[in-house]
Protein backbone atom coordinates (compact mmCIF):
# COMPACT_ATOMS: atom_id res chain seq x y z
CA MET A 1 -1.24 5.52 14.85
CA GLY A 2 -4.09 3.10 15.64
CA ILE A 3 -4.91 0.00 13.70
CA ILE A 4 -7.86 1.67 12.33
CA SER A 5 -5.67 4.58 10.89
CA TRP A 6 -3.44 2.21 9.28
CA ILE A 7 -6.37 0.51 7.64
CA ILE A 8 -7.87 3.83 6.58
CA LEU A 9 -4.31 4.89 5.18
CA GLY A 10 -4.10 1.73 3.42
CA LEU A 11 -7.41 2.00 1.55
CA LEU A 12 -6.40 5.52 0.51
CA ALA A 13 -2.86 4.48 -0.31
CA GLY A 14 -4.19 1.90 -2.37
CA ALA A 15 -6.46 3.98 -4.24
CA ILE A 16 -3.60 6.04 -5.23
CA ALA A 17 -1.49 3.09 -6.03
CA LYS A 18 -4.28 2.11 -8.39
CA PHE A 19 -4.17 5.51 -9.90
CA LEU A 20 -0.69 5.64 -10.47
CA LEU A 21 -0.53 2.07 -11.69
CA PRO A 22 -3.43 1.50 -14.15
CA GLY A 23 -4.74 -1.64 -15.55
CA ARG A 24 -6.53 -4.52 -14.79
CA ASP A 25 -5.56 -6.22 -11.53
CA PRO A 26 -6.13 -10.00 -11.16
CA GLY A 27 -7.89 -9.46 -7.65
CA GLY A 28 -10.19 -6.68 -8.79
CA PHE A 29 -11.29 -3.99 -6.26
CA ILE A 30 -11.22 -6.21 -3.32
CA GLY A 31 -7.72 -7.44 -4.21
CA THR A 32 -6.64 -4.04 -4.79
CA THR A 33 -7.78 -2.87 -1.28
CA ALA A 34 -6.10 -5.94 0.43
CA ILE A 35 -2.96 -4.91 -1.23
CA GLY A 36 -3.18 -1.28 -0.34
CA ILE A 37 -3.86 -2.24 3.37
CA ALA A 38 -0.88 -4.78 3.46
CA GLY A 39 1.24 -2.15 1.43
CA ALA A 40 0.65 0.55 4.20
CA PHE A 41 1.54 -1.92 6.94
CA ILE A 42 4.83 -3.23 5.14
CA GLY A 43 5.66 0.47 3.90
CA GLY A 44 5.51 1.52 7.58
CA TRP A 45 7.17 -1.17 8.69
CA ILE A 46 10.04 -0.94 6.33
CA SER A 47 10.19 2.92 6.91
CA ALA A 48 10.73 2.24 10.69
CA ARG A 49 12.91 -0.67 10.46
CA TRP A 50 15.47 0.12 7.63
CA LEU A 51 14.88 3.91 6.83
CA ASP A 52 15.65 5.43 10.44
CA HIS A 53 11.80 7.28 10.13
CA PRO A 54 9.92 5.83 12.58
CA VAL A 55 6.19 6.03 12.21
CA THR A 56 4.59 9.01 13.76
CA LYS A 57 1.40 9.59 15.57
CA ASP A 58 0.46 12.00 13.00
CA PHE A 59 -1.80 10.58 10.20
CA TYR A 60 -0.81 13.66 7.96
CA ASP A 61 2.93 12.91 7.86
CA SER A 62 4.23 12.97 4.35
CA ALA A 63 6.82 10.34 4.91
CA THR A 64 4.06 7.91 6.31
CA TRP A 65 2.02 8.56 3.26
CA ALA A 66 4.92 7.90 1.08
CA ALA A 67 5.90 4.82 2.77
CA ALA A 68 2.53 3.28 2.64
CA ILE A 69 1.96 4.27 -1.10
CA GLY A 70 5.40 2.77 -1.92
CA GLY A 71 4.54 -0.28 -0.23
CA SER A 72 1.31 -0.68 -1.87
CA LEU A 73 2.63 0.14 -5.39
CA ALA A 74 5.63 -2.64 -4.65
CA LEU A 75 3.14 -5.02 -3.72
CA LEU A 76 0.53 -4.29 -6.37
CA ILE A 77 3.61 -4.83 -9.08
CA ALA A 78 4.43 -7.95 -7.36
CA TYR A 79 0.81 -9.23 -7.40
CA ARG A 80 0.68 -8.39 -11.20
CA ILE A 81 4.02 -10.42 -11.69
CA LEU A 82 2.80 -13.34 -10.00
CA PHE A 83 -0.73 -13.63 -10.66
CA GLY A 84 -1.18 -11.31 -13.77
CA ASN A 85 -2.03 -13.92 -16.05
CA SER A 86 -5.00 -15.51 -14.29
CA ARG A 87 -7.80 -12.74 -15.21
CA ASN A 88 -8.33 -12.39 -18.90
């Protein structure tokens, strides 16, 4: 997949992660979107590096989506832990 595909996947994964983990985010919509994109990249890298599931060229691969959503959830949780009290 190309960089544009990963960005689109990250946007969708960020939206899904936000749906699965509702609540106020310190960064709002822009921060959640950036976390989704970064989570997709990190989830794909972890999947390829340590889980022996290289990222395929297919956009609709379920393991790629699971890695992207998992990475987005992990980053969203870490972001809330680190910066959760900055927005009231």
